[in-house]
Amino acid sequence: MYRKILVPLDGSERAEKIMAYIAELAERFETEVILLSVFQPELMPVPVRPTYIANGRDTLQQALAQAERYLNQQCGKLYHLEIHARARVVEGPVVETILSIAGQENVDLIAMASHGRTGLARMLYGSVAAGVLHNTDRPLLLIRSLD
């Protein structure tokens, strides 16, 4: 039923709550799991006077490398369960990138945890889960992750 499942992770314990569900589905259907980390660089205001920002690209490369290490650790946990998993780290707008990778990889399911933000926090930060839900053309497994 599910040949490929895309699992966006942001490095938080809340996002990782989806992993138990993924392990069960992947074992049942012998599914390939693609763990995705989307790095969206924050926009920085341009100073009125030219200012030197040291190692901006190095900082980005370090963040991408850290995300890759994190996802590889998560893949390792799945490998121990004999689940085929691989990691992808991509730069871009989060919702659009998740949807784009889902299409590129031709996944059968996107599975993710919602952080459950409400009110002002949701208005300020938006909701990745809501964005994916309203724009995807694929099945979506969404769990609400609360601490």
N, C-alpha and C. Protein backbone atom coordinates (compact mmCIF):
# COMPACT_ATOMS: atom_id res chain seq x y z
N MET A 1 0.81 -1.19 0.00
CA MET A 1 0.00 0.00 0.00
C MET A 1 0.86 1.27 0.00
N TYR A 2 1.83 1.33 0.89
CA TYR A 2 2.74 2.47 0.93
C TYR A 2 4.13 2.00 0.53
N ARG A 3 4.63 2.50 -0.58
CA ARG A 3 5.97 2.14 -1.03
C ARG A 3 7.01 3.10 -0.49
N LYS A 4 6.63 4.41 -0.41
CA LYS A 4 7.54 5.44 0.09
C LYS A 4 6.77 6.39 1.00
N ILE A 5 7.38 6.68 2.14
CA ILE A 5 6.80 7.64 3.08
C ILE A 5 7.81 8.75 3.31
N LEU A 6 7.35 9.98 3.19
CA LEU A 6 8.17 11.16 3.47
C LEU A 6 7.86 11.65 4.88
N VAL A 7 8.92 11.82 5.67
CA VAL A 7 8.77 12.24 7.06
C VAL A 7 9.60 13.50 7.31
N PRO A 8 8.96 14.67 7.30
CA PRO A 8 9.69 15.89 7.63
C PRO A 8 9.97 15.95 9.13
N LEU A 9 11.21 16.23 9.49
CA LEU A 9 11.60 16.36 10.90
C LEU A 9 12.34 17.68 11.07
N ASP A 10 12.11 18.32 12.21
CA ASP A 10 12.78 19.60 12.47
C ASP A 10 13.79 19.52 13.61
N GLY A 11 14.06 18.32 14.08
CA GLY A 11 15.04 18.16 15.15
C GLY A 11 14.45 18.19 16.55
N SER A 12 13.15 18.43 16.65
CA SER A 12 12.52 18.51 17.98
C SER A 12 11.98 17.15 18.40
N GLU A 13 11.87 16.98 19.70
CA GLU A 13 11.29 15.74 20.23
C GLU A 13 9.82 15.63 19.81
N ARG A 14 9.14 16.76 19.73
CA ARG A 14 7.74 16.73 19.31
C ARG A 14 7.61 16.17 17.91
N ALA A 15 8.46 16.60 17.00
CA ALA A 15 8.39 16.11 15.62
C ALA A 15 8.71 14.62 15.56
N GLU A 16 9.59 14.15 16.43
CA GLU A 16 9.99 12.74 16.44
C GLU A 16 8.89 11.81 16.92
N LYS A 17 7.83 12.33 17.49
CA LYS A 17 6.73 11.48 17.96
C LYS A 17 6.11 10.69 16.80
N ILE A 18 6.26 11.16 15.59
CA ILE A 18 5.72 10.46 14.42
C ILE A 18 6.48 9.17 14.13
N MET A 19 7.70 9.06 14.63
CA MET A 19 8.56 7.93 14.28
C MET A 19 7.99 6.57 14.68
N ALA A 20 7.29 6.48 15.80
CA ALA A 20 6.70 5.21 16.22
C ALA A 20 5.65 4.75 15.20
N TYR A 21 4.87 5.69 14.71
CA TYR A 21 3.85 5.37 13.72
C TYR A 21 4.50 4.94 12.40
N ILE A 22 5.58 5.63 12.05
CA ILE A 22 6.29 5.33 10.81
C ILE A 22 6.90 3.94 10.87
N ALA A 23 7.50 3.62 12.00
CA ALA A 23 8.11 2.29 12.15
C ALA A 23 7.07 1.19 11.95
N GLU A 24 5.90 1.38 12.54
CA GLU A 24 4.86 0.37 12.40
C GLU A 24 4.38 0.23 10.96
N LEU A 25 4.15 1.36 10.30
CA LEU A 25 3.71 1.32 8.90
C LEU A 25 4.79 0.72 8.00
N ALA A 26 6.02 1.13 8.20
CA ALA A 26 7.12 0.67 7.34
C ALA A 26 7.35 -0.83 7.50
N GLU A 27 7.23 -1.33 8.72
CA GLU A 27 7.38 -2.78 8.93
C GLU A 27 6.24 -3.54 8.26
N ARG A 28 5.05 -3.03 8.40
CA ARG A 28 3.88 -3.71 7.85
C ARG A 28 3.90 -3.75 6.32
N PHE A 29 4.28 -2.66 5.70
CA PHE A 29 4.20 -2.56 4.24
C PHE A 29 5.56 -2.64 3.54
N GLU A 30 6.64 -2.90 4.30
CA GLU A 30 7.99 -2.95 3.75
C GLU A 30 8.28 -1.69 2.93
N THR A 31 8.11 -0.58 3.58
CA THR A 31 8.17 0.73 2.97
C THR A 31 9.54 1.37 3.09
N GLU A 32 9.91 2.14 2.07
CA GLU A 32 11.09 2.99 2.16
C GLU A 32 10.69 4.28 2.86
N VAL A 33 11.50 4.72 3.79
CA VAL A 33 11.23 5.95 4.53
C VAL A 33 12.26 7.00 4.14
N ILE A 34 11.78 8.18 3.80
CA ILE A 34 12.65 9.30 3.47
C ILE A 34 12.48 10.34 4.57
N LEU A 35 13.54 10.54 5.34
CA LEU A 35 13.52 11.56 6.39
C LEU A 35 14.02 12.86 5.78
N LEU A 36 13.27 13.93 6.01
CA LEU A 36 13.56 15.21 5.38
C LEU A 36 13.74 16.30 6.42
N SER A 37 14.79 17.06 6.25
CA SER A 37 14.99 18.26 7.05
C SER A 37 15.07 19.43 6.08
N VAL A 38 14.21 20.41 6.28
CA VAL A 38 14.19 21.58 5.42
C VAL A 38 14.79 22.74 6.19
N PHE A 39 15.83 23.28 5.64
CA PHE A 39 16.51 24.41 6.28
C PHE A 39 16.11 25.67 5.54
N GLN A 40 15.40 26.54 6.25
CA GLN A 40 14.98 27.81 5.68
C GLN A 40 15.80 28.91 6.35
N PRO A 41 16.80 29.41 5.65
CA PRO A 41 17.61 30.47 6.25
C PRO A 41 16.75 31.68 6.60
N GLU A 42 17.05 32.25 7.75
CA GLU A 42 16.30 33.42 8.18
C GLU A 42 16.78 34.63 7.39
N LEU A 43 15.82 35.46 7.04
CA LEU A 43 16.17 36.69 6.34
C LEU A 43 16.78 37.67 7.32
N MET A 44 17.85 38.30 6.88
CA MET A 44 18.52 39.27 7.74
C MET A 44 18.32 40.65 7.12
N PRO A 45 17.97 41.65 7.95
CA PRO A 45 17.82 42.98 7.40
C PRO A 45 19.17 43.49 6.87
N VAL A 46 19.11 44.22 5.80
CA VAL A 46 20.32 44.77 5.21
C VAL A 46 20.65 46.06 5.94
N PRO A 47 21.86 46.16 6.50
CA PRO A 47 22.22 47.37 7.23
C PRO A 47 22.35 48.56 6.28
N VAL A 48 22.11 49.76 6.83
CA VAL A 48 22.23 50.97 6.04
C VAL A 48 23.67 51.16 5.61
N ARG A 49 24.60 50.92 6.54
CA ARG A 49 26.02 50.99 6.21
C ARG A 49 26.52 49.57 5.93
N PRO A 50 27.39 49.42 4.97
CA PRO A 50 27.93 48.07 4.72
C PRO A 50 28.59 47.51 5.97
N THR A 51 28.27 46.28 6.26
CA THR A 51 28.81 45.61 7.43
C THR A 51 29.33 44.25 6.99
N TYR A 52 30.46 43.86 7.50
CA TYR A 52 31.04 42.56 7.17
C TYR A 52 30.45 41.51 8.10
N ILE A 53 29.87 40.46 7.52
CA ILE A 53 29.36 39.33 8.31
C ILE A 53 30.28 38.16 8.04
N ALA A 54 31.04 37.79 9.04
CA ALA A 54 32.04 36.74 8.87
C ALA A 54 31.39 35.37 8.74
N ASN A 55 31.90 34.61 7.80
CA ASN A 55 31.57 33.19 7.67
C ASN A 55 30.08 32.89 7.54
N GLY A 56 29.31 33.73 6.87
CA GLY A 56 27.88 33.47 6.70
C GLY A 56 27.62 32.14 6.02
N ARG A 57 28.34 31.85 4.95
CA ARG A 57 28.16 30.59 4.24
C ARG A 57 28.66 29.41 5.07
N ASP A 58 29.74 29.63 5.84
CA ASP A 58 30.24 28.57 6.71
C ASP A 58 29.19 28.19 7.76
N THR A 59 28.51 29.18 8.30
CA THR A 59 27.47 28.93 9.30
C THR A 59 26.34 28.12 8.68
N LEU A 60 25.96 28.46 7.48
CA LEU A 60 24.92 27.71 6.78
C LEU A 60 25.37 26.27 6.55
N GLN A 61 26.59 26.08 6.09
CA GLN A 61 27.11 24.73 5.84
C GLN A 61 27.15 23.91 7.14
N GLN A 62 27.49 24.56 8.25
CA GLN A 62 27.51 23.87 9.54
C GLN A 62 26.10 23.42 9.93
N ALA A 63 25.12 24.30 9.71
CA ALA A 63 23.74 23.97 10.04
C ALA A 63 23.24 22.81 9.18
N LEU A 64 23.57 22.83 7.91
CA LEU A 64 23.17 21.74 7.02
C LEU A 64 23.84 20.42 7.42
N ALA A 65 25.11 20.48 7.78
CA ALA A 65 25.83 19.28 8.22
C ALA A 65 25.24 18.74 9.52
N GLN A 66 24.87 19.62 10.41
CA GLN A 66 24.25 19.19 11.68
C GLN A 66 22.90 18.52 11.41
N ALA A 67 22.13 19.08 10.50
CA ALA A 67 20.84 18.48 10.14
C ALA A 67 21.05 17.09 9.53
N GLU A 68 22.07 16.97 8.70
CA GLU A 68 22.37 15.67 8.07
C GLU A 68 22.76 14.63 9.13
N ARG A 69 23.58 15.03 10.10
CA ARG A 69 23.97 14.11 11.18
C ARG A 69 22.74 13.67 11.97
N TYR A 70 21.85 14.61 12.27
CA TYR A 70 20.63 14.31 13.02
C TYR A 70 19.77 13.29 12.25
N LEU A 71 19.55 13.55 10.98
CA LEU A 71 18.73 12.63 10.19
C LEU A 71 19.38 11.26 10.06
N ASN A 72 20.69 11.23 9.92
CA ASN A 72 21.39 9.93 9.84
C ASN A 72 21.23 9.15 11.14
N GLN A 73 21.21 9.83 12.27
CA GLN A 73 20.95 9.15 13.55
C GLN A 73 19.55 8.55 13.55
N GLN A 74 18.58 9.31 13.05
CA GLN A 74 17.20 8.80 12.98
C GLN A 74 17.11 7.62 12.01
N CYS A 75 17.83 7.69 10.90
CA CYS A 75 17.87 6.57 9.95
C CYS A 75 18.45 5.34 10.63
N GLY A 76 19.48 5.54 11.43
CA GLY A 76 20.11 4.43 12.15
C GLY A 76 19.13 3.70 13.05
N LYS A 77 18.25 4.45 13.69
CA LYS A 77 17.23 3.84 14.55
C LYS A 77 16.29 2.97 13.73
N LEU A 78 15.96 3.42 12.53
CA LEU A 78 15.09 2.63 11.66
C LEU A 78 15.82 1.41 11.10
N TYR A 79 17.10 1.58 10.77
CA TYR A 79 17.89 0.45 10.28
C TYR A 79 17.91 -0.69 11.28
N HIS A 80 17.98 -0.35 12.57
CA HIS A 80 17.98 -1.38 13.61
C HIS A 80 16.68 -2.18 13.60
N LEU A 81 15.62 -1.58 13.08
CA LEU A 81 14.34 -2.28 12.95
C LEU A 81 14.19 -2.92 11.57
N GLU A 82 15.29 -2.90 10.81
CA GLU A 82 15.32 -3.45 9.45
C GLU A 82 14.38 -2.71 8.50
N ILE A 83 14.32 -1.40 8.70
CA ILE A 83 13.52 -0.52 7.83
C ILE A 83 14.49 0.28 6.98
N HIS A 84 14.27 0.26 5.66
CA HIS A 84 15.12 1.03 4.75
C HIS A 84 14.76 2.50 4.86
N ALA A 85 15.75 3.32 5.23
CA ALA A 85 15.52 4.75 5.38
C ALA A 85 16.71 5.51 4.81
N ARG A 86 16.42 6.71 4.33
CA ARG A 86 17.49 7.59 3.87
C ARG A 86 17.14 9.02 4.24
N ALA A 87 18.17 9.85 4.25
CA ALA A 87 18.02 11.24 4.70
C ALA A 87 18.17 12.21 3.54
N ARG A 88 17.42 13.29 3.61
CA ARG A 88 17.57 14.39 2.66
C ARG A 88 17.53 15.69 3.45
N VAL A 89 18.49 16.55 3.18
CA VAL A 89 18.53 17.89 3.77
C VAL A 89 18.45 18.87 2.61
N VAL A 90 17.48 19.77 2.66
CA VAL A 90 17.22 20.67 1.55
C VAL A 90 17.01 22.08 2.08
N GLU A 91 17.47 23.06 1.32
CA GLU A 91 17.22 24.47 1.65
C GLU A 91 15.99 24.94 0.92
N GLY A 92 15.19 25.80 1.58
CA GLY A 92 14.06 26.41 0.91
C GLY A 92 12.93 26.71 1.87
N PRO A 93 11.86 27.30 1.35
CA PRO A 93 10.68 27.55 2.17
C PRO A 93 10.10 26.20 2.61
N VAL A 94 9.78 26.06 3.87
CA VAL A 94 9.48 24.75 4.44
C VAL A 94 8.32 24.04 3.76
N VAL A 95 7.15 24.65 3.76
CA VAL A 95 5.97 23.96 3.21
C VAL A 95 6.17 23.64 1.73
N GLU A 96 6.61 24.62 0.96
CA GLU A 96 6.80 24.41 -0.46
C GLU A 96 7.84 23.34 -0.74
N THR A 97 8.88 23.28 0.08
CA THR A 97 9.93 22.29 -0.12
C THR A 97 9.44 20.89 0.22
N ILE A 98 8.68 20.76 1.28
CA ILE A 98 8.11 19.45 1.64
C ILE A 98 7.26 18.93 0.47
N LEU A 99 6.41 19.80 -0.05
CA LEU A 99 5.53 19.40 -1.16
C LEU A 99 6.33 19.07 -2.42
N SER A 100 7.36 19.84 -2.68
CA SER A 100 8.20 19.61 -3.85
C SER A 100 8.93 18.27 -3.75
N ILE A 101 9.51 17.98 -2.59
CA ILE A 101 10.23 16.71 -2.41
C ILE A 101 9.25 15.54 -2.49
N ALA A 102 8.05 15.70 -1.95
CA ALA A 102 7.04 14.64 -2.05
C ALA A 102 6.77 14.31 -3.51
N GLY A 103 6.71 15.33 -4.35
CA GLY A 103 6.50 15.10 -5.77
C GLY A 103 7.71 14.49 -6.45
N GLN A 104 8.89 15.03 -6.17
CA GLN A 104 10.12 14.50 -6.77
C GLN A 104 10.33 13.03 -6.44
N GLU A 105 10.05 12.68 -5.19
CA GLU A 105 10.28 11.31 -4.72
C GLU A 105 9.09 10.40 -5.01
N ASN A 106 7.98 10.98 -5.47
CA ASN A 106 6.76 10.24 -5.74
C ASN A 106 6.34 9.40 -4.53
N VAL A 107 6.24 10.05 -3.37
CA VAL A 107 5.88 9.35 -2.15
C VAL A 107 4.39 9.05 -2.13
N ASP A 108 4.04 8.01 -1.39
CA ASP A 108 2.65 7.60 -1.25
C ASP A 108 1.99 8.21 -0.02
N LEU A 109 2.83 8.74 0.89
CA LEU A 109 2.31 9.29 2.15
C LEU A 109 3.31 10.29 2.70
N ILE A 110 2.79 11.39 3.21
CA ILE A 110 3.59 12.33 3.99
C ILE A 110 3.13 12.14 5.43
N ALA A 111 4.07 11.95 6.34
CA ALA A 111 3.73 11.72 7.75
C ALA A 111 4.48 12.71 8.61
N MET A 112 3.75 13.42 9.47
CA MET A 112 4.40 14.42 10.29
C MET A 112 3.60 14.69 11.56
N ALA A 113 4.28 15.30 12.50
CA ALA A 113 3.64 15.68 13.75
C ALA A 113 3.39 17.18 13.73
N SER A 114 2.23 17.56 14.21
CA SER A 114 1.90 18.97 14.36
C SER A 114 2.34 19.38 15.75
N HIS A 115 2.90 20.57 15.85
CA HIS A 115 3.36 21.05 17.16
C HIS A 115 2.21 21.55 18.02
N GLY A 116 1.05 21.69 17.45
CA GLY A 116 -0.12 22.07 18.24
C GLY A 116 -0.12 23.52 18.68
N ARG A 117 0.54 24.39 17.95
CA ARG A 117 0.52 25.80 18.33
C ARG A 117 -0.87 26.36 18.07
N THR A 118 -1.27 27.26 18.93
CA THR A 118 -2.55 27.93 18.76
C THR A 118 -2.36 29.42 19.01
N GLY A 119 -3.38 30.16 18.69
CA GLY A 119 -3.39 31.58 19.01
C GLY A 119 -2.27 32.36 18.38
N LEU A 120 -1.63 33.20 19.19
CA LEU A 120 -0.59 34.11 18.71
C LEU A 120 0.61 33.35 18.15
N ALA A 121 1.02 32.27 18.81
CA ALA A 121 2.18 31.51 18.33
C ALA A 121 1.92 30.98 16.92
N ARG A 122 0.72 30.50 16.66
CA ARG A 122 0.42 29.99 15.31
C ARG A 122 0.40 31.13 14.31
N MET A 123 -0.14 32.28 14.73
CA MET A 123 -0.21 33.42 13.82
C MET A 123 1.19 33.93 13.48
N LEU A 124 2.09 33.95 14.47
CA LEU A 124 3.43 34.45 14.24
C LEU A 124 4.29 33.47 13.46
N TYR A 125 4.20 32.19 13.80
CA TYR A 125 5.07 31.20 13.19
C TYR A 125 4.42 30.44 12.04
N GLY A 126 3.12 30.57 11.92
CA GLY A 126 2.41 29.82 10.89
C GLY A 126 2.35 28.36 11.28
N SER A 127 1.76 27.57 10.46
CA SER A 127 1.67 26.16 10.75
C SER A 127 2.13 25.39 9.52
N VAL A 128 3.25 24.73 9.67
CA VAL A 128 3.76 23.90 8.57
C VAL A 128 2.75 22.80 8.27
N ALA A 129 2.23 22.17 9.32
CA ALA A 129 1.28 21.08 9.12
C ALA A 129 0.05 21.57 8.36
N ALA A 130 -0.47 22.72 8.72
CA ALA A 130 -1.65 23.27 8.03
C ALA A 130 -1.32 23.59 6.58
N GLY A 131 -0.14 24.13 6.35
CA GLY A 131 0.27 24.44 4.98
C GLY A 131 0.36 23.21 4.12
N VAL A 132 0.93 22.14 4.67
CA VAL A 132 1.04 20.88 3.92
C VAL A 132 -0.36 20.29 3.72
N LEU A 133 -1.17 20.29 4.77
CA LEU A 133 -2.52 19.73 4.69
C LEU A 133 -3.33 20.39 3.59
N HIS A 134 -3.27 21.70 3.50
CA HIS A 134 -4.12 22.43 2.56
C HIS A 134 -3.57 22.44 1.13
N ASN A 135 -2.33 22.02 0.95
CA ASN A 135 -1.73 22.12 -0.38
C ASN A 135 -1.25 20.81 -0.98
N THR A 136 -1.31 19.73 -0.23
CA THR A 136 -0.79 18.46 -0.75
C THR A 136 -1.81 17.75 -1.63
N ASP A 137 -1.30 16.97 -2.56
CA ASP A 137 -2.15 16.13 -3.39
C ASP A 137 -1.96 14.66 -3.02
N ARG A 138 -1.35 14.43 -1.86
CA ARG A 138 -1.05 13.07 -1.40
C ARG A 138 -1.68 12.81 -0.03
N PRO A 139 -1.85 11.56 0.33
CA PRO A 139 -2.34 11.27 1.67
C PRO A 139 -1.37 11.83 2.72
N LEU A 140 -1.94 12.26 3.83
CA LEU A 140 -1.16 12.86 4.91
C LEU A 140 -1.54 12.22 6.23
N LEU A 141 -0.53 11.68 6.93
CA LEU A 141 -0.73 11.20 8.29
C LEU A 141 -0.22 12.30 9.19
N LEU A 142 -1.11 12.87 9.99
CA LEU A 142 -0.77 13.99 10.85
C LEU A 142 -1.17 13.65 12.27
N ILE A 143 -0.20 13.69 13.17
CA ILE A 143 -0.52 13.49 14.58
C ILE A 143 -0.25 14.79 15.32
N ARG A 144 -1.02 15.03 16.36
CA ARG A 144 -0.80 16.21 17.18
C ARG A 144 0.13 15.81 18.31
N SER A 145 1.24 16.49 18.38
CA SER A 145 2.27 16.15 19.35
C SER A 145 2.28 17.21 20.45
N LEU A 146 1.87 16.81 21.62
CA LEU A 146 1.87 17.72 22.76
C LEU A 146 2.77 17.16 23.84
N ASP A 147 3.41 18.04 24.58
CA ASP A 147 4.23 17.58 25.72
C ASP A 147 3.50 17.77 27.02
